[in-house]
Amino acid sequence: MKRILIIAVVLAGILYLADLVSVRFRIPARDTFGTVTVHTYYVVKLKNGRTEYDYAGDHDISCSNSVFPQFRVKPCWYARRHTEEQIKIDSGTPNNPRLF
């Protein structure tokens, strides 16, 4: 069992390094980065227990054309599948109010 686990970890490391070299040296010839438009919503939990959804607009994020996250950005295949961003805001509960 240990041997299989070690082989799996080594193969994953080799795949990650090959992906990094591919992005860094543009092998095959392609754009290293792309952009994806993300739709942003505020999810506001009100004191009366209801939830309010407010549209905050669209913005573009950069992504890498790779299999794994590279250079601190998400891969484009993942970013294209997650185009909605929710920012949660809790306005407090009426039973436990806080001043600060």
C-alpha atoms as a PDB file:
ATOM      1  CA  MET A   1       0.000   0.000   0.000  1.00  0.00           C
ATOM      2  CA  LYS A   2       2.860   2.395   0.817  1.00  0.00           C
ATOM      3  CA  ARG A   3       4.457   1.743  -2.552  1.00  0.00           C
ATOM      4  CA  ILE A   4       1.261   2.658  -4.414  1.00  0.00           C
ATOM      5  CA  LEU A   5       0.876   5.846  -2.379  1.00  0.00           C
ATOM      6  CA  ILE A   6       4.484   6.875  -3.015  1.00  0.00           C
ATOM      7  CA  ILE A   7       4.129   6.206  -6.754  1.00  0.00           C
ATOM      8  CA  ALA A   8       0.912   8.263  -6.867  1.00  0.00           C
ATOM      9  CA  VAL A   9       2.547  11.225  -5.078  1.00  0.00           C
ATOM     10  CA  VAL A  10       5.615  11.106  -7.346  1.00  0.00           C
ATOM     11  CA  LEU A  11       3.439  10.941 -10.490  1.00  0.00           C
ATOM     12  CA  ALA A  12       1.338  13.878  -9.276  1.00  0.00           C
ATOM     13  CA  GLY A  13       4.530  15.882  -8.649  1.00  0.00           C
ATOM     14  CA  ILE A  14       5.874  15.072 -12.106  1.00  0.00           C
ATOM     15  CA  LEU A  15       2.555  16.074 -13.693  1.00  0.00           C
ATOM     16  CA  TYR A  16       2.555  19.377 -11.769  1.00  0.00           C
ATOM     17  CA  LEU A  17       6.139  20.177 -12.803  1.00  0.00           C
ATOM     18  CA  ALA A  18       5.398  19.314 -16.443  1.00  0.00           C
ATOM     19  CA  ASP A  19       2.380  21.647 -16.306  1.00  0.00           C
ATOM     20  CA  LEU A  20       4.525  24.415 -14.780  1.00  0.00           C
ATOM     21  CA  VAL A  21       7.197  24.052 -17.492  1.00  0.00           C
ATOM     22  CA  SER A  22       4.471  24.022 -20.153  1.00  0.00           C
ATOM     23  CA  VAL A  23       2.993  27.300 -18.889  1.00  0.00           C
ATOM     24  CA  ARG A  24       6.340  28.963 -18.257  1.00  0.00           C
ATOM     25  CA  PHE A  25       7.863  28.218 -21.661  1.00  0.00           C
ATOM     26  CA  ARG A  26       4.582  28.187 -23.655  1.00  0.00           C
ATOM     27  CA  ILE A  27       4.831  24.595 -24.818  1.00  0.00           C
ATOM     28  CA  PRO A  28       2.823  24.195 -27.068  1.00  0.00           C
ATOM     29  CA  ALA A  29       2.629  27.737 -28.437  1.00  0.00           C
ATOM     30  CA  ARG A  30      -0.416  29.309 -26.765  1.00  0.00           C
ATOM     31  CA  ASP A  31      -1.427  32.183 -24.547  1.00  0.00           C
ATOM     32  CA  THR A  32      -0.255  31.666 -20.987  1.00  0.00           C
ATOM     33  CA  PHE A  33      -3.107  33.619 -19.396  1.00  0.00           C
ATOM     34  CA  GLY A  34      -6.734  34.270 -20.237  1.00  0.00           C
ATOM     35  CA  THR A  35      -9.632  36.189 -18.702  1.00  0.00           C
ATOM     36  CA  VAL A  36     -13.047  35.119 -17.479  1.00  0.00           C
ATOM     37  CA  THR A  37     -15.978  37.401 -16.625  1.00  0.00           C
ATOM     38  CA  VAL A  38     -17.322  36.798 -13.114  1.00  0.00           C
ATOM     39  CA  HIS A  39     -20.776  37.919 -11.924  1.00  0.00           C
ATOM     40  CA  THR A  40     -20.701  39.196  -8.330  1.00  0.00           C
ATOM     41  CA  TYR A  41     -23.627  39.128  -5.897  1.00  0.00           C
ATOM     42  CA  TYR A  42     -23.945  40.341  -2.310  1.00  0.00           C
ATOM     43  CA  VAL A  43     -25.821  37.870  -0.107  1.00  0.00           C
ATOM     44  CA  VAL A  44     -27.092  39.926   2.831  1.00  0.00           C
ATOM     45  CA  LYS A  45     -28.621  38.141   5.798  1.00  0.00           C
ATOM     46  CA  LEU A  46     -31.094  40.572   7.331  1.00  0.00           C
ATOM     47  CA  LYS A  47     -31.979  40.853  11.022  1.00  0.00           C
ATOM     48  CA  ASN A  48     -35.492  39.558  10.398  1.00  0.00           C
ATOM     49  CA  GLY A  49     -34.053  36.231   9.151  1.00  0.00           C
ATOM     50  CA  ARG A  50     -34.570  36.827   5.438  1.00  0.00           C
ATOM     51  CA  THR A  51     -31.825  36.868   2.853  1.00  0.00           C
ATOM     52  CA  GLU A  52     -31.434  39.600   0.264  1.00  0.00           C
ATOM     53  CA  TYR A  53     -29.474  39.154  -2.969  1.00  0.00           C
ATOM     54  CA  ASP A  54     -27.972  42.278  -4.562  1.00  0.00           C
ATOM     55  CA  TYR A  55     -26.226  42.305  -7.935  1.00  0.00           C
ATOM     56  CA  ALA A  56     -22.804  43.969  -7.646  1.00  0.00           C
ATOM     57  CA  GLY A  57     -21.735  43.873 -11.292  1.00  0.00           C
ATOM     58  CA  ASP A  58     -19.290  41.993 -13.471  1.00  0.00           C
ATOM     59  CA  HIS A  59     -15.517  41.967 -13.401  1.00  0.00           C
ATOM     60  CA  ASP A  60     -12.801  40.091 -15.245  1.00  0.00           C
ATOM     61  CA  ILE A  61     -10.349  37.802 -13.499  1.00  0.00           C
ATOM     62  CA  SER A  62      -7.159  36.433 -14.986  1.00  0.00           C
ATOM     63  CA  CYS A  63      -6.616  32.689 -15.242  1.00  0.00           C
ATOM     64  CA  SER A  64      -3.850  30.412 -16.462  1.00  0.00           C
ATOM     65  CA  ASN A  65      -4.263  28.029 -19.383  1.00  0.00           C
ATOM     66  CA  SER A  66      -3.063  25.009 -17.446  1.00  0.00           C
ATOM     67  CA  VAL A  67      -4.285  21.945 -15.604  1.00  0.00           C
ATOM     68  CA  PHE A  68      -3.219  23.098 -12.124  1.00  0.00           C
ATOM     69  CA  PRO A  69      -3.224  26.577 -10.549  1.00  0.00           C
ATOM     70  CA  GLN A  70      -0.054  28.366 -11.663  1.00  0.00           C
ATOM     71  CA  PHE A  71       1.371  31.784 -10.750  1.00  0.00           C
ATOM     72  CA  ARG A  72      -1.277  32.283  -8.008  1.00  0.00           C
ATOM     73  CA  VAL A  73      -4.256  32.236 -10.389  1.00  0.00           C
ATOM     74  CA  LYS A  74      -6.931  29.635 -11.020  1.00  0.00           C
ATOM     75  CA  PRO A  75      -6.818  27.494 -14.139  1.00  0.00           C
ATOM     76  CA  CYS A  76      -9.156  28.739 -16.902  1.00  0.00           C
ATOM     77  CA  TRP A  77     -11.065  25.442 -17.135  1.00  0.00           C
ATOM     78  CA  TYR A  78     -12.034  25.871 -13.457  1.00  0.00           C
ATOM     79  CA  ALA A  79     -12.757  29.612 -13.661  1.00  0.00           C
ATOM     80  CA  ARG A  80     -15.104  29.129 -16.656  1.00  0.00           C
ATOM     81  CA  ARG A  81     -17.196  26.685 -14.609  1.00  0.00           C
ATOM     82  CA  HIS A  82     -17.420  29.003 -11.567  1.00  0.00           C
ATOM     83  CA  THR A  83     -18.542  32.346 -12.983  1.00  0.00           C
ATOM     84  CA  GLU A  84     -20.656  33.471 -10.015  1.00  0.00           C
ATOM     85  CA  GLU A  85     -19.090  34.964  -6.914  1.00  0.00           C
ATOM     86  CA  GLN A  86     -21.085  35.502  -3.730  1.00  0.00           C
ATOM     87  CA  ILE A  87     -19.979  37.879  -1.001  1.00  0.00           C
ATOM     88  CA  LYS A  88     -21.786  37.049   2.225  1.00  0.00           C
ATOM     89  CA  ILE A  89     -22.688  39.857   4.616  1.00  0.00           C
ATOM     90  CA  ASP A  90     -24.288  39.131   7.988  1.00  0.00           C
ATOM     91  CA  SER A  91     -26.065  42.098   9.542  1.00  0.00           C
ATOM     92  CA  GLY A  92     -26.316  40.397  12.932  1.00  0.00           C
ATOM     93  CA  THR A  93     -29.049  38.657  14.847  1.00  0.00           C
ATOM     94  CA  PRO A  94     -31.701  40.495  16.859  1.00  0.00           C
ATOM     95  CA  ASN A  95     -31.073  38.288  19.925  1.00  0.00           C
ATOM     96  CA  ASN A  96     -27.343  39.021  20.059  1.00  0.00           C
ATOM     97  CA  PRO A  97     -26.725  42.606  18.910  1.00  0.00           C
ATOM     98  CA  ARG A  98     -23.163  43.927  18.775  1.00  0.00           C
ATOM     99  CA  LEU A  99     -22.081  47.535  18.707  1.00  0.00           C
ATOM    100  CA  PHE A 100     -18.607  46.916  17.311  1.00  0.00           C
END
